[in-house]
Amino acid sequence: MAGPLTGIVVLDLGQVYSGPYCALLLAHLGARIIKVEPPPAGEPLRSRGESEASGESFNFQLLNGGKESLILDLKDAAGLDAFRQLAQRADVLVENFAPGTTARLGIDYPAVSGINPRIVYASVKAFAADSVSSGLRGMDLTVQASSGVMSVNGYPDGPPLRCGPSLVDFLGGAHLAMGILAALFERSVTGRGQSIEVALQDAVIPTLASNLSGWLTDPSAPERTGNRHGGMLESPYNTYPAADGWVSVLCLTEAQWRGLCELIGRPDLRDDKELATSAGRVARMHMIDEVVGSWIIERTAAEAAEALQRAGVPAAKIATLGQLFSGEMARSSPMIQRSDEAGGDATYTFGSPVRLGNHPPRRSGPVPSLGQHTAAILESLSQGGADGR
């Protein structure tokens, strides 16, 4: 079955992570994605560490499966004219350029909506227009710094740390996709598009819910809590060494705490009235961590996690990237999709975390080579099909 966004044409001017991920989510929903890339080398992510498979970086592959690649020089009159023709009939434009870039190129929202009032013009910026940092450049690392994310990542006696995954960029892209869907729905009623802007810092601030709750409760408490609860409001809530790896365990309810105590053979802790509440357990978290840790270290990570889950306690073995990859390859609809191109090596693209009951999960499709669809798209313009349909 065709996806719910079949017939929607998206001009993807995105770079690196946030913009391209937004467009990839729309592609998984059935939209046609025309990736507009600058000459001579294309989108910067293409050359960030070449893969042995295709000469394209794995970074680029993961985010651009199923898209069409169009080379246009937006600083050239002919390239800008072709872009405007495309924008006349496109439904969505996605961009995450540095502040002021689209205005300098003559492709900002006022310019594009002037030739196509129905377009949904979606932008990712580092900071919101009403922020004191409005207009400043920012990327995942710097927004992790400015948003407070780094201040809560790490251990109390160590420096602030960057979160390993690029969560800021991908949260920004996911929020932008949600905004686009809302704008397309409204357009179906009003007939008019609109501009959408997501600030990376705004998108990541809600992830600090636990940390902000802890700070509001006790502003003097340490901001960095290691693997313990970000607000120091739950115990046990930590990562413990096993005989062959690591296990993460948490108890958020009294039932989970009782189940844990029964599993590890400590009915005395289960019946201790001072440990019957989260606050009481937090007050003695060092003792609880020692008890839980001494039980887990005697078992493999898989054995401990499985036993805890059977007891109704949230727990998981910490997976390596290799283990994650192997698990994804065994799924029928994996989040990391492998494609073996004829005469070439494997390429990898991300699947979609959104699963619709009326539409089976979509394969990402091949990763486009630089400019692969330029001739066909420009030829469609000369024939009056500005969107190439």
Protein backbone atom coordinates (compact mmCIF):
# COMPACT_ATOMS: atom_id res chain seq x y z
CA MET A 1 0.00 0.00 0.00
CA ALA A 2 1.12 3.54 -0.70
CA GLY A 3 2.12 5.58 2.34
CA PRO A 4 -0.15 8.26 3.82
CA LEU A 5 2.08 11.00 2.35
CA THR A 6 2.04 9.62 -1.19
CA GLY A 7 1.87 12.56 -3.61
CA ILE A 8 3.63 14.94 -1.22
CA VAL A 9 6.84 16.37 -2.70
CA VAL A 10 9.55 17.50 -0.29
CA LEU A 11 12.57 19.62 -1.18
CA ASP A 12 15.26 18.46 1.22
CA LEU A 13 17.92 21.13 1.66
CA GLY A 14 18.98 19.55 4.93
CA GLN A 15 22.55 19.00 5.97
CA VAL A 16 24.20 16.56 8.37
CA TYR A 17 21.56 15.16 10.78
CA SER A 18 18.48 17.17 11.79
CA GLY A 19 17.16 18.20 8.36
CA PRO A 20 17.97 14.94 6.54
CA TYR A 21 16.46 12.87 9.38
CA CYS A 22 13.24 14.88 9.21
CA ALA A 23 13.05 14.26 5.46
CA LEU A 24 13.81 10.55 5.93
CA LEU A 25 10.86 10.22 8.33
CA LEU A 26 8.62 11.81 5.69
CA ALA A 27 10.02 9.43 3.06
CA HIS A 28 9.06 6.47 5.23
CA LEU A 29 5.52 7.85 5.26
CA GLY A 30 5.45 7.85 1.46
CA ALA A 31 6.59 11.35 0.49
CA ARG A 32 8.85 11.91 -2.49
CA ILE A 33 12.10 13.49 -1.32
CA ILE A 34 14.19 15.56 -3.72
CA LYS A 35 17.52 16.19 -2.03
CA VAL A 36 18.92 19.48 -3.32
CA GLU A 37 22.74 19.39 -3.07
CA PRO A 38 25.39 21.98 -3.89
CA PRO A 39 28.19 21.45 -6.40
CA PRO A 40 30.80 20.12 -6.55
CA ALA A 41 30.81 17.68 -3.59
CA GLY A 42 27.18 17.68 -2.49
CA GLU A 43 25.87 17.54 1.06
CA PRO A 44 28.78 17.68 3.55
CA LEU A 45 27.87 14.34 5.13
CA ARG A 46 28.68 12.48 1.91
CA SER A 47 32.41 12.87 2.50
CA ARG A 48 32.52 12.38 6.27
CA GLY A 49 34.55 9.17 6.33
CA GLU A 50 34.10 7.13 3.17
CA SER A 51 32.70 3.61 3.49
CA GLU A 52 34.33 0.79 1.63
CA ALA A 53 31.01 -0.04 0.04
CA SER A 54 30.17 2.86 -2.23
CA GLY A 55 32.50 5.75 -1.56
CA GLU A 56 29.66 7.42 0.35
CA SER A 57 30.00 7.71 4.10
CA PHE A 58 27.94 5.42 6.27
CA ASN A 59 26.68 8.63 7.93
CA PHE A 60 25.18 9.70 4.61
CA GLN A 61 23.81 6.27 3.77
CA LEU A 62 21.92 5.91 7.04
CA LEU A 63 19.92 9.11 6.51
CA ASN A 64 19.34 9.29 2.78
CA GLY A 65 17.96 6.01 1.49
CA GLY A 66 15.15 6.35 -1.02
CA LYS A 67 15.76 10.01 -1.81
CA GLU A 68 16.54 11.60 -5.19
CA SER A 69 19.70 13.67 -5.56
CA LEU A 70 19.57 16.93 -7.52
CA ILE A 71 22.64 19.15 -7.92
CA LEU A 72 21.77 22.86 -7.99
CA ASP A 73 24.01 25.86 -7.48
CA LEU A 74 21.71 28.22 -5.60
CA LYS A 75 24.29 31.01 -5.93
CA ASP A 76 23.93 30.83 -9.73
CA ALA A 77 21.01 32.46 -11.57
CA ALA A 78 20.15 29.33 -13.54
CA GLY A 79 20.29 27.13 -10.46
CA LEU A 80 18.15 29.55 -8.48
CA ASP A 81 15.60 29.71 -11.30
CA ALA A 82 15.36 25.91 -11.42
CA PHE A 83 14.92 25.82 -7.67
CA ARG A 84 12.10 28.35 -7.82
CA GLN A 85 10.34 26.28 -10.44
CA LEU A 86 10.57 23.26 -8.18
CA ALA A 87 9.37 25.25 -5.18
CA GLN A 88 6.29 26.44 -7.11
CA ARG A 89 4.74 22.97 -6.93
CA ALA A 90 6.50 21.36 -4.01
CA ASP A 91 4.53 20.75 -0.83
CA VAL A 92 7.29 20.98 1.77
CA LEU A 93 10.74 22.53 2.05
CA VAL A 94 13.12 21.37 4.80
CA GLU A 95 16.26 23.32 5.68
CA ASN A 96 18.69 23.66 8.57
CA PHE A 97 21.14 26.23 7.23
CA ALA A 98 22.93 28.66 9.51
CA PRO A 99 20.84 31.73 10.41
CA GLY A 100 20.60 34.21 7.54
CA THR A 101 21.70 31.80 4.80
CA THR A 102 18.34 31.35 3.09
CA ALA A 103 17.73 35.12 3.08
CA ARG A 104 21.09 35.70 1.41
CA LEU A 105 20.28 33.06 -1.20
CA GLY A 106 16.82 34.50 -1.84
CA ILE A 107 15.02 31.33 -0.78
CA ASP A 108 13.71 32.26 2.67
CA TYR A 109 10.05 31.81 3.59
CA PRO A 110 8.83 35.20 2.31
CA ALA A 111 10.47 34.55 -1.06
CA VAL A 112 9.28 30.96 -1.44
CA SER A 113 5.76 31.50 -0.11
CA GLY A 114 5.46 34.40 -2.52
CA ILE A 115 5.61 31.96 -5.42
CA ASN A 116 3.84 29.11 -3.63
CA PRO A 117 1.45 30.09 -0.80
CA ARG A 118 0.66 26.39 -0.19
CA ILE A 119 4.20 25.41 0.73
CA VAL A 120 5.07 24.24 4.22
CA TYR A 121 8.47 25.77 4.93
CA ALA A 122 10.19 23.89 7.76
CA SER A 123 13.39 25.04 9.42
CA VAL A 124 15.65 23.83 12.21
CA LYS A 125 17.72 26.41 14.03
CA ALA A 126 19.86 26.12 17.13
CA PHE A 127 17.90 28.66 19.16
CA ALA A 128 14.39 30.08 19.11
CA ALA A 129 13.68 33.57 17.82
CA ASP A 130 12.76 34.76 21.33
CA SER A 131 15.88 33.26 22.90
CA VAL A 132 18.77 35.41 24.07
CA SER A 133 20.90 33.28 21.74
CA SER A 134 18.68 33.86 18.70
CA GLY A 135 20.70 34.09 15.50
CA LEU A 136 23.72 32.26 16.87
CA ARG A 137 25.09 29.17 15.20
CA GLY A 138 24.83 25.89 17.02
CA MET A 139 25.12 22.16 16.47
CA ASP A 140 24.55 19.08 18.61
CA LEU A 141 27.64 19.49 20.79
CA THR A 142 27.20 23.20 21.45
CA VAL A 143 23.48 22.89 22.12
CA GLN A 144 24.14 20.05 24.54
CA ALA A 145 26.37 22.58 26.30
CA SER A 146 24.02 25.58 26.23
CA SER A 147 20.88 23.61 27.13
CA GLY A 148 22.22 22.14 30.35
CA VAL A 149 22.36 18.59 28.98
CA MET A 150 26.12 18.35 29.46
CA SER A 151 25.90 19.74 32.99
CA VAL A 152 23.86 16.71 34.08
CA ASN A 153 25.85 14.09 32.17
CA GLY A 154 28.74 12.45 34.00
CA TYR A 155 29.69 11.88 37.62
CA PRO A 156 29.66 14.43 40.45
CA ASP A 157 33.46 14.46 40.74
CA GLY A 158 34.06 14.61 36.98
CA PRO A 159 33.67 17.17 34.20
CA PRO A 160 30.47 17.74 32.21
CA LEU A 161 30.22 15.20 29.40
CA ARG A 162 28.66 15.17 25.98
CA CYS A 163 25.97 12.51 25.58
CA GLY A 164 27.33 9.85 23.24
CA PRO A 165 24.47 9.88 20.72
CA SER A 166 23.59 13.05 18.82
CA LEU A 167 20.25 13.27 20.57
CA VAL A 168 19.84 17.05 20.02
CA ASP A 169 19.99 16.84 16.23
CA PHE A 170 17.64 13.88 16.00
CA LEU A 171 15.13 15.27 18.47
CA GLY A 172 15.11 18.45 16.38
CA GLY A 173 14.46 16.49 13.19
CA ALA A 174 11.68 14.42 14.75
CA HIS A 175 9.93 17.48 16.17
CA LEU A 176 10.17 19.21 12.79
CA ALA A 177 8.50 16.24 11.09
CA MET A 178 5.65 16.45 13.60
CA GLY A 179 5.22 20.15 12.83
CA ILE A 180 5.15 19.44 9.10
CA LEU A 181 2.38 16.88 9.51
CA ALA A 182 0.33 19.36 11.54
CA ALA A 183 0.84 22.07 8.91
CA LEU A 184 -0.13 19.72 6.08
CA PHE A 185 -3.30 18.80 7.96
CA GLU A 186 -4.19 22.47 8.46
CA ARG A 187 -3.44 23.17 4.79
CA SER A 188 -6.00 20.53 3.83
CA VAL A 189 -8.58 22.79 5.53
CA THR A 190 -7.32 26.30 4.73
CA GLY A 191 -5.49 25.71 1.45
CA ARG A 192 -2.47 27.67 2.71
CA GLY A 193 0.92 26.60 3.94
CA GLN A 194 2.98 28.21 6.68
CA SER A 195 6.46 28.41 8.14
CA ILE A 196 7.56 26.08 10.91
CA GLU A 197 10.65 26.46 13.05
CA VAL A 198 12.06 24.08 15.63
CA ALA A 199 14.90 25.19 17.87
CA LEU A 200 17.30 22.41 18.80
CA GLN A 201 17.58 23.73 22.34
CA ASP A 202 13.79 23.78 22.75
CA ALA A 203 13.55 20.20 21.48
CA VAL A 204 16.04 18.84 24.02
CA ILE A 205 14.95 20.75 27.15
CA PRO A 206 12.01 18.37 27.92
CA THR A 207 14.50 15.49 28.23
CA LEU A 208 15.69 17.19 31.43
CA ALA A 209 12.42 16.44 33.24
CA SER A 210 14.02 14.25 35.93
CA ASN A 211 16.97 16.59 36.37
CA LEU A 212 14.83 19.72 36.62
CA SER A 213 12.53 17.98 39.08
CA GLY A 214 15.51 17.16 41.28
CA TRP A 215 16.89 20.69 41.03
CA LEU A 216 13.53 22.26 41.88
CA THR A 217 13.35 19.95 44.90
CA ASP A 218 16.91 20.68 46.08
CA PRO A 219 18.95 23.27 44.11
CA SER A 220 22.06 22.35 46.12
CA ALA A 221 22.05 18.69 45.00
CA PRO A 222 24.73 17.62 42.48
CA GLU A 223 23.65 18.02 38.87
CA ARG A 224 25.74 15.11 37.59
CA THR A 225 24.61 11.82 39.10
CA GLY A 226 26.34 9.23 36.92
CA ASN A 227 23.98 6.35 36.18
CA ARG A 228 21.75 7.15 39.12
CA HIS A 229 18.40 8.90 38.67
CA GLY A 230 18.89 12.36 37.23
CA GLY A 231 16.91 13.98 40.03
CA MET A 232 18.16 11.60 42.74
CA LEU A 233 14.52 10.76 43.42
CA GLU A 234 14.54 6.98 42.83
CA SER A 235 16.51 4.02 44.19
CA PRO A 236 17.59 1.53 43.06
CA TYR A 237 18.26 3.29 39.79
CA ASN A 238 21.75 2.48 38.56
CA THR A 239 24.02 0.34 36.42
CA TYR A 240 25.80 -2.60 38.03
CA PRO A 241 28.70 -4.84 36.91
CA ALA A 242 27.84 -8.45 36.17
CA ALA A 243 30.18 -11.40 35.73
CA ASP A 244 30.56 -10.63 32.02
CA GLY A 245 29.15 -7.15 31.42
CA TRP A 246 26.75 -4.60 32.90
CA VAL A 247 23.08 -4.45 33.86
CA SER A 248 20.82 -1.44 34.37
CA VAL A 249 18.11 -1.77 37.01
CA LEU A 250 15.43 0.55 38.37
CA CYS A 251 12.44 0.35 40.69
CA LEU A 252 9.82 3.04 40.27
CA THR A 253 6.99 1.38 42.17
CA GLU A 254 6.66 -0.33 45.52
CA ALA A 255 5.63 -3.55 43.76
CA GLN A 256 8.87 -3.52 41.77
CA TRP A 257 10.89 -2.94 44.96
CA ARG A 258 9.18 -5.86 46.71
CA GLY A 259 9.75 -8.08 43.69
CA LEU A 260 13.44 -7.20 43.68
CA CYS A 261 13.83 -7.95 47.40
CA GLU A 262 12.12 -11.32 47.04
CA LEU A 263 14.26 -12.22 44.03
CA ILE A 264 17.57 -11.50 45.75
CA GLY A 265 16.50 -13.18 48.99
CA ARG A 266 16.22 -10.08 51.18
CA PRO A 267 12.78 -10.13 52.81
CA ASP A 268 14.25 -7.99 55.58
CA LEU A 269 14.62 -5.10 53.13
CA ARG A 270 11.15 -5.74 51.73
CA ASP A 271 9.67 -5.46 55.22
CA ASP A 272 11.77 -2.48 56.33
CA LYS A 273 9.27 0.36 56.73
CA GLU A 274 11.98 2.96 56.19
CA LEU A 275 12.50 1.53 52.67
CA ALA A 276 8.83 1.37 51.78
CA THR A 277 8.92 4.69 49.89
CA SER A 278 11.14 6.18 47.21
CA ALA A 279 12.32 8.90 49.59
CA GLY A 280 13.35 6.31 52.17
CA ARG A 281 15.27 4.27 49.62
CA VAL A 282 17.01 7.34 48.24
CA ALA A 283 18.20 8.19 51.75
CA ARG A 284 19.94 4.77 51.87
CA MET A 285 20.80 4.38 48.19
CA HIS A 286 24.46 3.55 48.84
CA MET A 287 23.45 0.51 50.86
CA ILE A 288 20.84 -0.51 48.28
CA ASP A 289 23.34 -0.20 45.44
CA GLU A 290 25.78 -2.40 47.34
CA VAL A 291 23.14 -5.08 47.96
CA VAL A 292 21.84 -5.11 44.39
CA GLY A 293 25.35 -5.01 42.98
CA SER A 294 26.55 -7.94 45.10
CA TRP A 295 23.68 -10.07 43.75
CA ILE A 296 24.25 -9.13 40.10
CA ILE A 297 28.04 -9.62 40.11
CA GLU A 298 27.52 -13.33 40.81
CA ARG A 299 25.62 -13.77 37.54
CA THR A 300 26.06 -13.06 33.88
CA ALA A 301 24.42 -9.91 32.60
CA ALA A 302 21.89 -11.94 30.59
CA GLU A 303 21.01 -14.16 33.57
CA ALA A 304 20.56 -11.23 35.93
CA ALA A 305 18.47 -9.18 33.50
CA GLU A 306 16.24 -12.14 32.64
CA ALA A 307 15.64 -13.00 36.31
CA LEU A 308 14.84 -9.38 37.17
CA GLN A 309 12.39 -9.10 34.29
CA ARG A 310 10.63 -12.29 35.40
CA ALA A 311 10.29 -10.72 38.85
CA GLY A 312 8.62 -7.67 37.33
CA VAL A 313 11.65 -5.40 37.74
CA PRO A 314 12.72 -3.23 34.77
CA ALA A 315 16.24 -4.32 33.86
CA ALA A 316 18.39 -4.73 30.77
CA LYS A 317 21.81 -5.99 29.81
CA ILE A 318 23.88 -3.16 28.36
CA ALA A 319 24.35 -3.95 24.68
CA THR A 320 27.39 -3.08 22.62
CA LEU A 321 26.96 -1.56 19.17
CA GLY A 322 27.87 -4.93 17.67
CA GLN A 323 25.16 -6.66 19.68
CA LEU A 324 22.64 -3.99 18.70
CA PHE A 325 23.56 -4.44 15.04
CA SER A 326 23.24 -8.23 15.19
CA GLY A 327 19.86 -7.94 16.85
CA GLU A 328 18.59 -5.49 14.23
CA MET A 329 19.74 -7.73 11.39
CA ALA A 330 17.64 -10.55 12.84
CA ARG A 331 14.40 -8.49 12.80
CA SER A 332 11.89 -8.68 9.97
CA SER A 333 11.59 -4.88 9.97
CA PRO A 334 14.86 -3.59 11.40
CA MET A 335 15.71 -0.02 12.26
CA ILE A 336 19.05 -0.52 10.48
CA GLN A 337 18.25 -1.74 6.99
CA ARG A 338 20.85 -3.51 4.88
CA SER A 339 20.72 -3.38 1.08
CA ASP A 340 23.01 -5.44 -1.11
CA GLU A 341 23.27 -3.58 -4.39
CA ALA A 342 23.85 -5.57 -7.56
CA GLY A 343 27.57 -5.67 -8.25
CA GLY A 344 28.37 -3.70 -5.10
CA ASP A 345 28.76 -3.97 -1.37
CA ALA A 346 26.14 -3.51 1.31
CA THR A 347 24.72 -0.12 2.22
CA TYR A 348 22.83 0.70 5.39
CA THR A 349 19.93 3.06 6.01
CA PHE A 350 17.66 3.79 8.96
CA GLY A 351 14.15 2.44 9.11
CA SER A 352 11.27 4.32 10.72
CA PRO A 353 10.30 4.03 14.39
CA VAL A 354 6.73 4.99 13.39
CA ARG A 355 4.67 1.92 12.51
CA LEU A 356 1.21 2.51 11.00
CA GLY A 357 -1.43 -0.18 11.19
CA ASN A 358 -2.64 0.48 7.65
CA HIS A 359 0.81 0.52 6.07
CA PRO A 360 3.54 -2.09 6.38
CA PRO A 361 7.02 -0.78 7.24
CA ARG A 362 8.72 0.70 4.18
CA ARG A 363 12.18 -0.22 2.98
CA SER A 364 14.30 2.91 2.64
CA GLY A 365 15.34 2.27 -0.94
CA PRO A 366 18.75 2.82 -2.53
CA VAL A 367 21.08 5.61 -1.48
CA PRO A 368 21.36 8.12 -4.35
CA SER A 369 24.72 8.91 -5.85
CA LEU A 370 25.55 12.60 -6.05
CA GLY A 371 23.38 14.24 -8.71
CA GLN A 372 21.93 10.91 -9.83
CA HIS A 373 18.50 12.40 -10.63
CA THR A 374 19.58 15.86 -11.81
CA ALA A 375 19.04 15.27 -15.52
CA ALA A 376 15.61 13.69 -15.10
CA ILE A 377 14.33 16.39 -12.73
CA LEU A 378 15.62 19.27 -14.85
CA GLU A 379 14.13 17.65 -17.94
CA SER A 380 10.76 17.50 -16.18
CA LEU A 381 11.03 21.24 -15.55
CA SER A 382 11.51 21.91 -19.25
CA GLN A 383 8.34 19.92 -19.91
CA GLY A 384 6.32 21.94 -17.42
CA GLY A 385 6.30 19.39 -14.60
CA ALA A 386 7.94 21.53 -11.96
CA ASP A 387 7.61 18.86 -9.31
CA GLY A 388 8.68 16.07 -11.61
CA ARG A 389 5.40 14.19 -11.12
